[in-house]
Amino acid sequence: MLSFDIRAVEAQAQPVSGVLAGDDAVWESTDSRPHDGVVVEGRLSTAGGGRFWFSGHLSGATTVACRRCLTDVTADVSDELSALFAEPGLDESDEDDVYPLAANARTIDLRSAVREAWLLAVPGFVTCRDDCRGLCPTCGADRNVESCGCDQTIPDARWAALRTPRNVTD
């Protein structure tokens, strides 16, 4: 469960233990979604004056492309999460790192904070294995599977002057 009654949180800090499913409506079409959901554990408490503080941990797994050969790789994702939720009209409710609560809100929904933290925690660069040889830059063949026979020497124009023989006179 990732939605909490504000009155219950004001009365006593609430333990958080829930899963944000990969098919939840909070995800956008381009998001890197979790395989079996994002597991969220933590604590939600009042921070006074219409503010609420969540502190916890998220974990899960997703599929990302290997940065060298573009093969799908399962990546474990785990990160700490802290979020401030504030009622409208408070000075900090307009800041980027504060999640605003709707006017007269009766619940605090952690899903958008969990989604944002998940997207920031998903690794951007993953390799399928340490010795991945990647794709051939000439023909695009996967060099882990086959040898393409393309000429892999790429001349560097900056060294051309050293390759050119010079006539030196005594």
N, C-alpha and C. Protein backbone atom coordinates (compact mmCIF):
# COMPACT_ATOMS: atom_id res chain seq x y z
N MET A 1 0.85 -1.17 0.00
CA MET A 1 0.00 0.00 0.00
C MET A 1 0.89 1.24 0.00
N LEU A 2 0.65 2.13 -0.93
CA LEU A 2 1.46 3.34 -1.04
C LEU A 2 0.63 4.61 -0.93
N SER A 3 -0.57 4.49 -0.37
CA SER A 3 -1.44 5.63 -0.15
C SER A 3 -1.86 5.61 1.33
N PHE A 4 -1.75 6.78 1.99
CA PHE A 4 -1.96 6.83 3.44
C PHE A 4 -2.91 7.96 3.80
N ASP A 5 -3.77 7.70 4.78
CA ASP A 5 -4.69 8.69 5.31
C ASP A 5 -3.89 9.72 6.10
N ILE A 6 -4.08 10.98 5.78
CA ILE A 6 -3.33 12.06 6.42
C ILE A 6 -3.59 12.09 7.92
N ARG A 7 -4.84 11.86 8.33
CA ARG A 7 -5.16 11.88 9.77
C ARG A 7 -4.39 10.81 10.53
N ALA A 8 -4.23 9.64 9.92
CA ALA A 8 -3.49 8.56 10.58
C ALA A 8 -2.01 8.93 10.70
N VAL A 9 -1.45 9.58 9.67
CA VAL A 9 -0.05 9.98 9.71
C VAL A 9 0.16 11.08 10.75
N GLU A 10 -0.80 12.01 10.85
CA GLU A 10 -0.70 13.06 11.86
C GLU A 10 -0.76 12.50 13.28
N ALA A 11 -1.52 11.44 13.46
CA ALA A 11 -1.66 10.83 14.79
C ALA A 11 -0.42 10.04 15.16
N GLN A 12 0.16 9.33 14.18
CA GLN A 12 1.31 8.48 14.46
C GLN A 12 2.03 8.16 13.15
N ALA A 13 3.37 8.11 13.20
CA ALA A 13 4.14 7.74 12.01
C ALA A 13 3.68 6.38 11.51
N GLN A 14 3.64 6.23 10.19
CA GLN A 14 3.14 5.01 9.58
C GLN A 14 4.26 4.23 8.91
N PRO A 15 4.34 2.93 9.18
CA PRO A 15 5.31 2.11 8.46
C PRO A 15 4.83 1.93 7.02
N VAL A 16 5.76 1.94 6.10
CA VAL A 16 5.43 1.78 4.68
C VAL A 16 6.04 0.47 4.21
N SER A 17 5.20 -0.37 3.63
CA SER A 17 5.64 -1.62 3.04
C SER A 17 4.68 -1.92 1.90
N GLY A 18 5.17 -1.75 0.68
CA GLY A 18 4.29 -1.95 -0.46
C GLY A 18 5.06 -2.15 -1.75
N VAL A 19 4.29 -2.35 -2.82
CA VAL A 19 4.87 -2.58 -4.14
C VAL A 19 4.18 -1.67 -5.13
N LEU A 20 4.98 -0.97 -5.92
CA LEU A 20 4.45 -0.18 -7.04
C LEU A 20 4.55 -1.07 -8.27
N ALA A 21 3.42 -1.55 -8.75
CA ALA A 21 3.37 -2.50 -9.86
C ALA A 21 3.87 -1.87 -11.16
N GLY A 22 4.43 -2.70 -12.01
CA GLY A 22 4.94 -2.24 -13.31
C GLY A 22 3.85 -1.78 -14.25
N ASP A 23 2.59 -2.16 -13.99
CA ASP A 23 1.49 -1.75 -14.85
C ASP A 23 0.63 -0.66 -14.21
N ASP A 24 1.12 -0.04 -13.16
CA ASP A 24 0.40 1.04 -12.49
C ASP A 24 0.26 2.23 -13.42
N ALA A 25 -0.78 3.00 -13.24
CA ALA A 25 -1.06 4.16 -14.10
C ALA A 25 -0.04 5.29 -13.94
N VAL A 26 0.78 5.27 -12.89
CA VAL A 26 1.76 6.34 -12.67
C VAL A 26 2.89 6.29 -13.70
N TRP A 27 3.15 5.13 -14.28
CA TRP A 27 4.24 4.99 -15.25
C TRP A 27 3.87 5.62 -16.58
N GLU A 28 4.87 6.22 -17.24
CA GLU A 28 4.67 6.76 -18.58
C GLU A 28 5.20 5.77 -19.60
N SER A 29 4.82 5.92 -20.84
CA SER A 29 5.14 4.92 -21.88
C SER A 29 6.65 4.75 -22.09
N THR A 30 7.44 5.77 -21.86
CA THR A 30 8.89 5.68 -22.10
C THR A 30 9.69 5.29 -20.86
N ASP A 31 9.02 5.07 -19.74
CA ASP A 31 9.71 4.74 -18.49
C ASP A 31 10.31 3.34 -18.53
N SER A 32 11.42 3.18 -17.84
CA SER A 32 12.03 1.87 -17.63
C SER A 32 11.29 1.22 -16.47
N ARG A 33 10.38 0.32 -16.79
CA ARG A 33 9.50 -0.26 -15.78
C ARG A 33 10.12 -1.47 -15.10
N PRO A 34 9.73 -1.68 -13.85
CA PRO A 34 10.24 -2.84 -13.12
C PRO A 34 9.58 -4.13 -13.59
N HIS A 35 10.31 -5.25 -13.48
CA HIS A 35 9.75 -6.55 -13.86
C HIS A 35 8.60 -6.95 -12.95
N ASP A 36 8.86 -7.02 -11.66
CA ASP A 36 7.87 -7.49 -10.70
C ASP A 36 7.44 -6.40 -9.73
N GLY A 37 7.57 -5.17 -10.12
CA GLY A 37 7.19 -4.06 -9.27
C GLY A 37 8.37 -3.53 -8.48
N VAL A 38 8.18 -2.34 -7.93
CA VAL A 38 9.18 -1.71 -7.08
C VAL A 38 8.77 -1.95 -5.63
N VAL A 39 9.63 -2.63 -4.89
CA VAL A 39 9.36 -2.89 -3.48
C VAL A 39 9.79 -1.66 -2.69
N VAL A 40 8.88 -1.14 -1.87
CA VAL A 40 9.13 0.07 -1.11
C VAL A 40 8.96 -0.24 0.38
N GLU A 41 9.97 0.10 1.16
CA GLU A 41 9.94 -0.06 2.62
C GLU A 41 10.39 1.25 3.23
N GLY A 42 9.73 1.68 4.31
CA GLY A 42 10.16 2.91 4.96
C GLY A 42 9.19 3.38 6.01
N ARG A 43 9.19 4.70 6.20
CA ARG A 43 8.37 5.31 7.24
C ARG A 43 7.87 6.65 6.76
N LEU A 44 6.60 6.93 6.99
CA LEU A 44 5.97 8.20 6.65
C LEU A 44 5.54 8.87 7.95
N SER A 45 5.98 10.11 8.15
CA SER A 45 5.64 10.80 9.40
C SER A 45 5.34 12.27 9.11
N THR A 46 4.74 12.91 10.10
CA THR A 46 4.45 14.32 9.96
C THR A 46 5.73 15.12 10.23
N ALA A 47 5.89 16.20 9.48
CA ALA A 47 7.04 17.09 9.68
C ALA A 47 6.55 18.43 10.21
N GLY A 48 5.28 18.48 10.60
CA GLY A 48 4.69 19.68 11.19
C GLY A 48 4.22 20.69 10.16
N GLY A 49 3.15 21.38 10.48
CA GLY A 49 2.66 22.48 9.66
C GLY A 49 2.26 22.09 8.25
N GLY A 50 1.56 20.98 8.08
CA GLY A 50 1.11 20.58 6.75
C GLY A 50 2.17 19.92 5.90
N ARG A 51 3.24 19.46 6.53
CA ARG A 51 4.32 18.79 5.81
C ARG A 51 4.43 17.35 6.30
N PHE A 52 4.81 16.48 5.38
CA PHE A 52 4.94 15.06 5.71
C PHE A 52 6.23 14.54 5.08
N TRP A 53 6.96 13.72 5.84
CA TRP A 53 8.28 13.25 5.42
C TRP A 53 8.26 11.74 5.25
N PHE A 54 8.72 11.30 4.07
CA PHE A 54 8.88 9.86 3.84
C PHE A 54 10.37 9.57 3.71
N SER A 55 10.82 8.52 4.38
CA SER A 55 12.20 8.07 4.27
C SER A 55 12.16 6.56 4.17
N GLY A 56 12.85 6.03 3.15
CA GLY A 56 12.81 4.58 2.98
C GLY A 56 13.76 4.08 1.92
N HIS A 57 13.46 2.90 1.43
CA HIS A 57 14.31 2.19 0.49
C HIS A 57 13.43 1.58 -0.60
N LEU A 58 13.94 1.58 -1.83
CA LEU A 58 13.22 0.92 -2.92
C LEU A 58 14.15 -0.08 -3.60
N SER A 59 13.55 -1.12 -4.16
CA SER A 59 14.35 -2.13 -4.88
C SER A 59 13.48 -2.83 -5.90
N GLY A 60 14.15 -3.39 -6.89
CA GLY A 60 13.47 -4.13 -7.96
C GLY A 60 14.46 -4.47 -9.05
N ALA A 61 13.94 -4.95 -10.17
CA ALA A 61 14.78 -5.29 -11.32
C ALA A 61 14.09 -4.82 -12.59
N THR A 62 14.89 -4.46 -13.58
CA THR A 62 14.37 -4.01 -14.86
C THR A 62 15.28 -4.50 -15.98
N THR A 63 14.85 -4.32 -17.20
CA THR A 63 15.65 -4.71 -18.36
C THR A 63 16.17 -3.46 -19.05
N VAL A 64 17.48 -3.43 -19.27
CA VAL A 64 18.11 -2.33 -20.00
C VAL A 64 19.01 -2.93 -21.09
N ALA A 65 19.35 -2.12 -22.06
CA ALA A 65 20.20 -2.59 -23.17
C ALA A 65 21.67 -2.47 -22.79
N CYS A 66 22.46 -3.48 -23.14
CA CYS A 66 23.91 -3.42 -22.95
C CYS A 66 24.44 -2.23 -23.75
N ARG A 67 25.31 -1.46 -23.15
CA ARG A 67 25.81 -0.25 -23.82
C ARG A 67 26.74 -0.56 -24.97
N ARG A 68 27.23 -1.80 -25.08
CA ARG A 68 28.15 -2.15 -26.15
C ARG A 68 27.49 -2.93 -27.28
N CYS A 69 26.63 -3.89 -26.93
CA CYS A 69 26.06 -4.76 -27.99
C CYS A 69 24.55 -4.69 -28.09
N LEU A 70 23.91 -3.92 -27.23
CA LEU A 70 22.47 -3.69 -27.22
C LEU A 70 21.64 -4.93 -26.85
N THR A 71 22.26 -5.95 -26.29
CA THR A 71 21.54 -7.12 -25.79
C THR A 71 20.80 -6.73 -24.52
N ASP A 72 19.59 -7.27 -24.33
CA ASP A 72 18.85 -6.99 -23.10
C ASP A 72 19.55 -7.60 -21.90
N VAL A 73 19.65 -6.81 -20.84
CA VAL A 73 20.32 -7.23 -19.61
C VAL A 73 19.39 -6.92 -18.44
N THR A 74 19.26 -7.85 -17.50
CA THR A 74 18.49 -7.59 -16.29
C THR A 74 19.39 -6.86 -15.30
N ALA A 75 18.90 -5.71 -14.85
CA ALA A 75 19.66 -4.89 -13.90
C ALA A 75 18.90 -4.79 -12.59
N ASP A 76 19.58 -5.07 -11.48
CA ASP A 76 18.99 -4.87 -10.17
C ASP A 76 19.08 -3.40 -9.82
N VAL A 77 18.00 -2.87 -9.26
CA VAL A 77 17.94 -1.47 -8.89
C VAL A 77 17.62 -1.38 -7.40
N SER A 78 18.40 -0.58 -6.70
CA SER A 78 18.19 -0.41 -5.26
C SER A 78 18.67 0.98 -4.88
N ASP A 79 17.88 1.69 -4.08
CA ASP A 79 18.27 3.04 -3.71
C ASP A 79 17.50 3.49 -2.48
N GLU A 80 18.04 4.49 -1.81
CA GLU A 80 17.36 5.14 -0.70
C GLU A 80 16.44 6.22 -1.27
N LEU A 81 15.36 6.48 -0.55
CA LEU A 81 14.39 7.47 -1.03
C LEU A 81 13.95 8.33 0.14
N SER A 82 14.00 9.65 -0.06
CA SER A 82 13.48 10.60 0.90
C SER A 82 12.62 11.59 0.12
N ALA A 83 11.46 11.93 0.68
CA ALA A 83 10.57 12.84 -0.02
C ALA A 83 9.78 13.66 0.99
N LEU A 84 9.56 14.93 0.65
CA LEU A 84 8.76 15.83 1.46
C LEU A 84 7.48 16.12 0.71
N PHE A 85 6.35 15.95 1.38
CA PHE A 85 5.04 16.26 0.82
C PHE A 85 4.51 17.46 1.58
N ALA A 86 3.99 18.47 0.86
CA ALA A 86 3.54 19.69 1.52
C ALA A 86 2.18 20.11 1.00
N GLU A 87 1.38 20.69 1.90
CA GLU A 87 0.07 21.20 1.53
C GLU A 87 0.24 22.49 0.72
N PRO A 88 -0.74 22.82 -0.11
CA PRO A 88 -0.63 24.04 -0.91
C PRO A 88 -0.55 25.29 -0.03
N GLY A 89 0.13 26.30 -0.54
CA GLY A 89 0.25 27.57 0.17
C GLY A 89 1.49 27.68 1.01
N LEU A 90 2.18 26.58 1.25
CA LEU A 90 3.44 26.65 1.99
C LEU A 90 4.53 27.09 1.03
N ASP A 91 5.49 27.86 1.53
CA ASP A 91 6.55 28.41 0.69
C ASP A 91 7.27 27.34 -0.12
N GLU A 92 7.62 26.24 0.53
CA GLU A 92 8.41 25.23 -0.16
C GLU A 92 7.57 24.31 -1.04
N SER A 93 6.25 24.43 -1.05
CA SER A 93 5.42 23.54 -1.86
C SER A 93 5.63 23.76 -3.36
N ASP A 94 6.25 24.89 -3.74
CA ASP A 94 6.52 25.16 -5.15
C ASP A 94 7.90 24.69 -5.59
N GLU A 95 8.72 24.21 -4.67
CA GLU A 95 10.06 23.76 -5.02
C GLU A 95 10.01 22.42 -5.74
N ASP A 96 11.05 22.16 -6.56
CA ASP A 96 11.08 20.95 -7.38
C ASP A 96 11.17 19.66 -6.58
N ASP A 97 11.81 19.70 -5.45
CA ASP A 97 12.02 18.47 -4.69
C ASP A 97 10.94 18.23 -3.63
N VAL A 98 9.86 19.01 -3.68
CA VAL A 98 8.74 18.83 -2.76
C VAL A 98 7.53 18.38 -3.58
N TYR A 99 6.86 17.36 -3.09
CA TYR A 99 5.68 16.84 -3.77
C TYR A 99 4.46 17.53 -3.16
N PRO A 100 3.73 18.30 -3.97
CA PRO A 100 2.58 19.04 -3.43
C PRO A 100 1.39 18.11 -3.20
N LEU A 101 0.68 18.37 -2.13
CA LEU A 101 -0.56 17.67 -1.86
C LEU A 101 -1.70 18.52 -2.42
N ALA A 102 -2.74 17.90 -2.89
CA ALA A 102 -3.89 18.64 -3.41
C ALA A 102 -4.58 19.38 -2.26
N ALA A 103 -5.24 20.49 -2.59
CA ALA A 103 -5.99 21.23 -1.58
C ALA A 103 -7.03 20.29 -0.97
N ASN A 104 -7.16 20.32 0.32
CA ASN A 104 -8.09 19.46 1.07
C ASN A 104 -7.82 17.97 0.86
N ALA A 105 -6.58 17.63 0.61
CA ALA A 105 -6.23 16.22 0.41
C ALA A 105 -6.48 15.43 1.69
N ARG A 106 -6.96 14.22 1.52
CA ARG A 106 -7.18 13.33 2.65
C ARG A 106 -6.15 12.22 2.70
N THR A 107 -5.41 12.07 1.59
CA THR A 107 -4.42 11.00 1.51
C THR A 107 -3.10 11.52 0.97
N ILE A 108 -2.05 10.78 1.29
CA ILE A 108 -0.73 11.03 0.73
C ILE A 108 -0.41 9.84 -0.15
N ASP A 109 -0.18 10.09 -1.43
CA ASP A 109 0.13 9.04 -2.40
C ASP A 109 1.62 9.09 -2.71
N LEU A 110 2.33 8.03 -2.36
CA LEU A 110 3.79 7.98 -2.54
C LEU A 110 4.21 7.57 -3.96
N ARG A 111 3.29 7.16 -4.80
CA ARG A 111 3.63 6.56 -6.10
C ARG A 111 4.49 7.45 -6.99
N SER A 112 4.17 8.74 -7.11
CA SER A 112 4.97 9.60 -8.02
C SER A 112 6.38 9.80 -7.47
N ALA A 113 6.55 9.88 -6.16
CA ALA A 113 7.89 10.00 -5.58
C ALA A 113 8.68 8.73 -5.81
N VAL A 114 8.02 7.57 -5.67
CA VAL A 114 8.69 6.29 -5.90
C VAL A 114 9.08 6.16 -7.37
N ARG A 115 8.18 6.54 -8.28
CA ARG A 115 8.48 6.49 -9.72
C ARG A 115 9.70 7.33 -10.05
N GLU A 116 9.74 8.56 -9.55
CA GLU A 116 10.87 9.45 -9.84
C GLU A 116 12.18 8.89 -9.29
N ALA A 117 12.16 8.40 -8.07
CA ALA A 117 13.37 7.83 -7.47
C ALA A 117 13.81 6.59 -8.24
N TRP A 118 12.86 5.78 -8.68
CA TRP A 118 13.17 4.57 -9.48
C TRP A 118 13.88 4.97 -10.77
N LEU A 119 13.32 5.93 -11.49
CA LEU A 119 13.90 6.33 -12.78
C LEU A 119 15.31 6.90 -12.61
N LEU A 120 15.56 7.58 -11.50
CA LEU A 120 16.89 8.11 -11.25
C LEU A 120 17.87 7.02 -10.83
N ALA A 121 17.35 5.94 -10.24
CA ALA A 121 18.21 4.86 -9.76
C ALA A 121 18.53 3.82 -10.82
N VAL A 122 17.72 3.73 -11.88
CA VAL A 122 17.99 2.75 -12.94
C VAL A 122 19.32 3.10 -13.60
N PRO A 123 20.25 2.15 -13.68
CA PRO A 123 21.56 2.46 -14.26
C PRO A 123 21.44 2.82 -15.74
N GLY A 124 22.17 3.83 -16.14
CA GLY A 124 22.14 4.28 -17.52
C GLY A 124 23.08 3.49 -18.42
N PHE A 125 24.14 2.93 -17.85
CA PHE A 125 25.13 2.21 -18.63
C PHE A 125 25.37 0.85 -18.00
N VAL A 126 24.97 -0.19 -18.70
CA VAL A 126 25.12 -1.56 -18.23
C VAL A 126 25.78 -2.36 -19.35
N THR A 127 26.65 -3.29 -19.00
CA THR A 127 27.21 -4.21 -20.00
C THR A 127 26.73 -5.61 -19.68
N CYS A 128 26.56 -6.41 -20.73
CA CYS A 128 26.06 -7.77 -20.56
C CYS A 128 27.09 -8.66 -19.87
N ARG A 129 28.35 -8.34 -20.06
CA ARG A 129 29.45 -9.03 -19.39
C ARG A 129 30.69 -8.15 -19.49
N ASP A 130 31.68 -8.42 -18.64
CA ASP A 130 32.87 -7.56 -18.61
C ASP A 130 33.65 -7.55 -19.91
N ASP A 131 33.66 -8.68 -20.62
CA ASP A 131 34.45 -8.75 -21.85
C ASP A 131 33.60 -8.60 -23.11
N CYS A 132 32.47 -7.89 -23.01
CA CYS A 132 31.61 -7.67 -24.17
C CYS A 132 32.39 -6.92 -25.25
N ARG A 133 32.36 -7.47 -26.47
CA ARG A 133 33.11 -6.87 -27.57
C ARG A 133 32.29 -5.87 -28.36
N GLY A 134 31.00 -5.81 -28.13
CA GLY A 134 30.15 -4.81 -28.76
C GLY A 134 29.82 -5.09 -30.21
N LEU A 135 29.33 -4.05 -30.88
CA LEU A 135 28.94 -4.13 -32.29
C LEU A 135 30.06 -3.58 -33.16
N CYS A 136 30.20 -4.15 -34.36
CA CYS A 136 31.17 -3.64 -35.33
C CYS A 136 30.70 -2.27 -35.78
N PRO A 137 31.54 -1.25 -35.71
CA PRO A 137 31.12 0.09 -36.14
C PRO A 137 30.93 0.22 -37.64
N THR A 138 31.44 -0.75 -38.40
CA THR A 138 31.32 -0.70 -39.86
C THR A 138 30.05 -1.38 -40.35
N CYS A 139 29.85 -2.66 -39.95
CA CYS A 139 28.71 -3.42 -40.48
C CYS A 139 27.62 -3.69 -39.45
N GLY A 140 27.89 -3.46 -38.16
CA GLY A 140 26.87 -3.64 -37.13
C GLY A 140 26.76 -5.05 -36.58
N ALA A 141 27.64 -5.96 -36.98
CA ALA A 141 27.60 -7.33 -36.48
C ALA A 141 27.94 -7.37 -35.00
N ASP A 142 27.30 -8.28 -34.28
CA ASP A 142 27.60 -8.48 -32.86
C ASP A 142 28.90 -9.26 -32.77
N ARG A 143 29.97 -8.61 -32.31
CA ARG A 143 31.29 -9.24 -32.28
C ARG A 143 31.41 -10.30 -31.18
N ASN A 144 30.42 -10.43 -30.32
CA ASN A 144 30.40 -11.51 -29.34
C ASN A 144 29.95 -12.82 -29.99
N VAL A 145 29.23 -12.71 -31.08
CA VAL A 145 28.65 -13.88 -31.75
C VAL A 145 29.44 -14.28 -32.98
N GLU A 146 29.89 -13.30 -33.76
CA GLU A 146 30.57 -13.60 -35.02
C GLU A 146 31.68 -12.60 -35.29
N SER A 147 32.62 -13.03 -36.11
CA SER A 147 33.67 -12.15 -36.57
C SER A 147 33.27 -11.69 -37.97
N CYS A 148 33.21 -10.40 -38.17
CA CYS A 148 32.67 -9.89 -39.43
C CYS A 148 33.73 -9.71 -40.51
N GLY A 149 34.98 -9.61 -40.18
CA GLY A 149 36.03 -9.45 -41.17
C GLY A 149 36.25 -8.03 -41.63
N CYS A 150 35.58 -7.08 -41.04
CA CYS A 150 35.77 -5.68 -41.43
C CYS A 150 37.14 -5.20 -40.95
N ASP A 151 37.72 -4.25 -41.68
CA ASP A 151 38.99 -3.65 -41.29
C ASP A 151 38.74 -2.79 -40.05
N GLN A 152 39.33 -3.17 -38.94
CA GLN A 152 39.10 -2.47 -37.68
C GLN A 152 40.10 -1.36 -37.40
N THR A 153 41.06 -1.17 -38.31
CA THR A 153 42.02 -0.10 -38.09
C THR A 153 41.43 1.20 -38.61
N ILE A 154 41.33 2.14 -37.75
CA ILE A 154 40.79 3.44 -38.11
C ILE A 154 41.93 4.44 -38.02
N PRO A 155 42.35 4.97 -39.16
CA PRO A 155 43.47 5.90 -39.12
C PRO A 155 43.08 7.19 -38.40
N ASP A 156 43.98 7.66 -37.60
CA ASP A 156 43.78 8.90 -36.87
C ASP A 156 44.54 9.99 -37.62
N ALA A 157 43.82 10.93 -38.18
CA ALA A 157 44.40 11.99 -39.02
C ALA A 157 45.43 12.84 -38.26
N ARG A 158 45.33 12.85 -36.95
CA ARG A 158 46.27 13.67 -36.18
C ARG A 158 47.69 13.13 -36.27
N TRP A 159 47.88 11.83 -36.59
CA TRP A 159 49.20 11.22 -36.67
C TRP A 159 49.72 11.12 -38.11
N ALA A 160 48.98 11.64 -39.06
CA ALA A 160 49.35 11.52 -40.47
C ALA A 160 50.74 12.09 -40.77
N ALA A 161 51.10 13.18 -40.14
CA ALA A 161 52.40 13.81 -40.39
C ALA A 161 53.54 12.89 -39.98
N LEU A 162 53.35 12.05 -38.99
CA LEU A 162 54.40 11.13 -38.57
C LEU A 162 54.53 9.92 -39.49
N ARG A 163 53.46 9.59 -40.20
CA ARG A 163 53.49 8.46 -41.12
C ARG A 163 54.10 8.84 -42.47
N THR A 164 54.13 10.11 -42.80
CA THR A 164 54.65 10.58 -44.08
C THR A 164 56.16 10.69 -43.99
N PRO A 165 56.86 9.96 -44.91
CA PRO A 165 58.33 10.05 -44.87
C PRO A 165 58.78 11.45 -45.29
N ARG A 166 59.81 11.91 -44.63
CA ARG A 166 60.35 13.24 -44.93
C ARG A 166 61.77 13.07 -45.48
N ASN A 167 62.08 13.91 -46.40
CA ASN A 167 63.47 13.95 -46.90
C ASN A 167 64.25 14.91 -46.04
N VAL A 168 65.23 14.37 -45.40
CA VAL A 168 66.07 15.18 -44.53
C VAL A 168 67.41 15.36 -45.22
N THR A 169 67.79 16.58 -45.41
CA THR A 169 69.08 16.87 -46.06
C THR A 169 70.12 17.18 -44.99
N ASP A 170 71.32 16.72 -45.24
CA ASP A 170 72.41 16.97 -44.28
C ASP A 170 72.93 18.34 -44.42
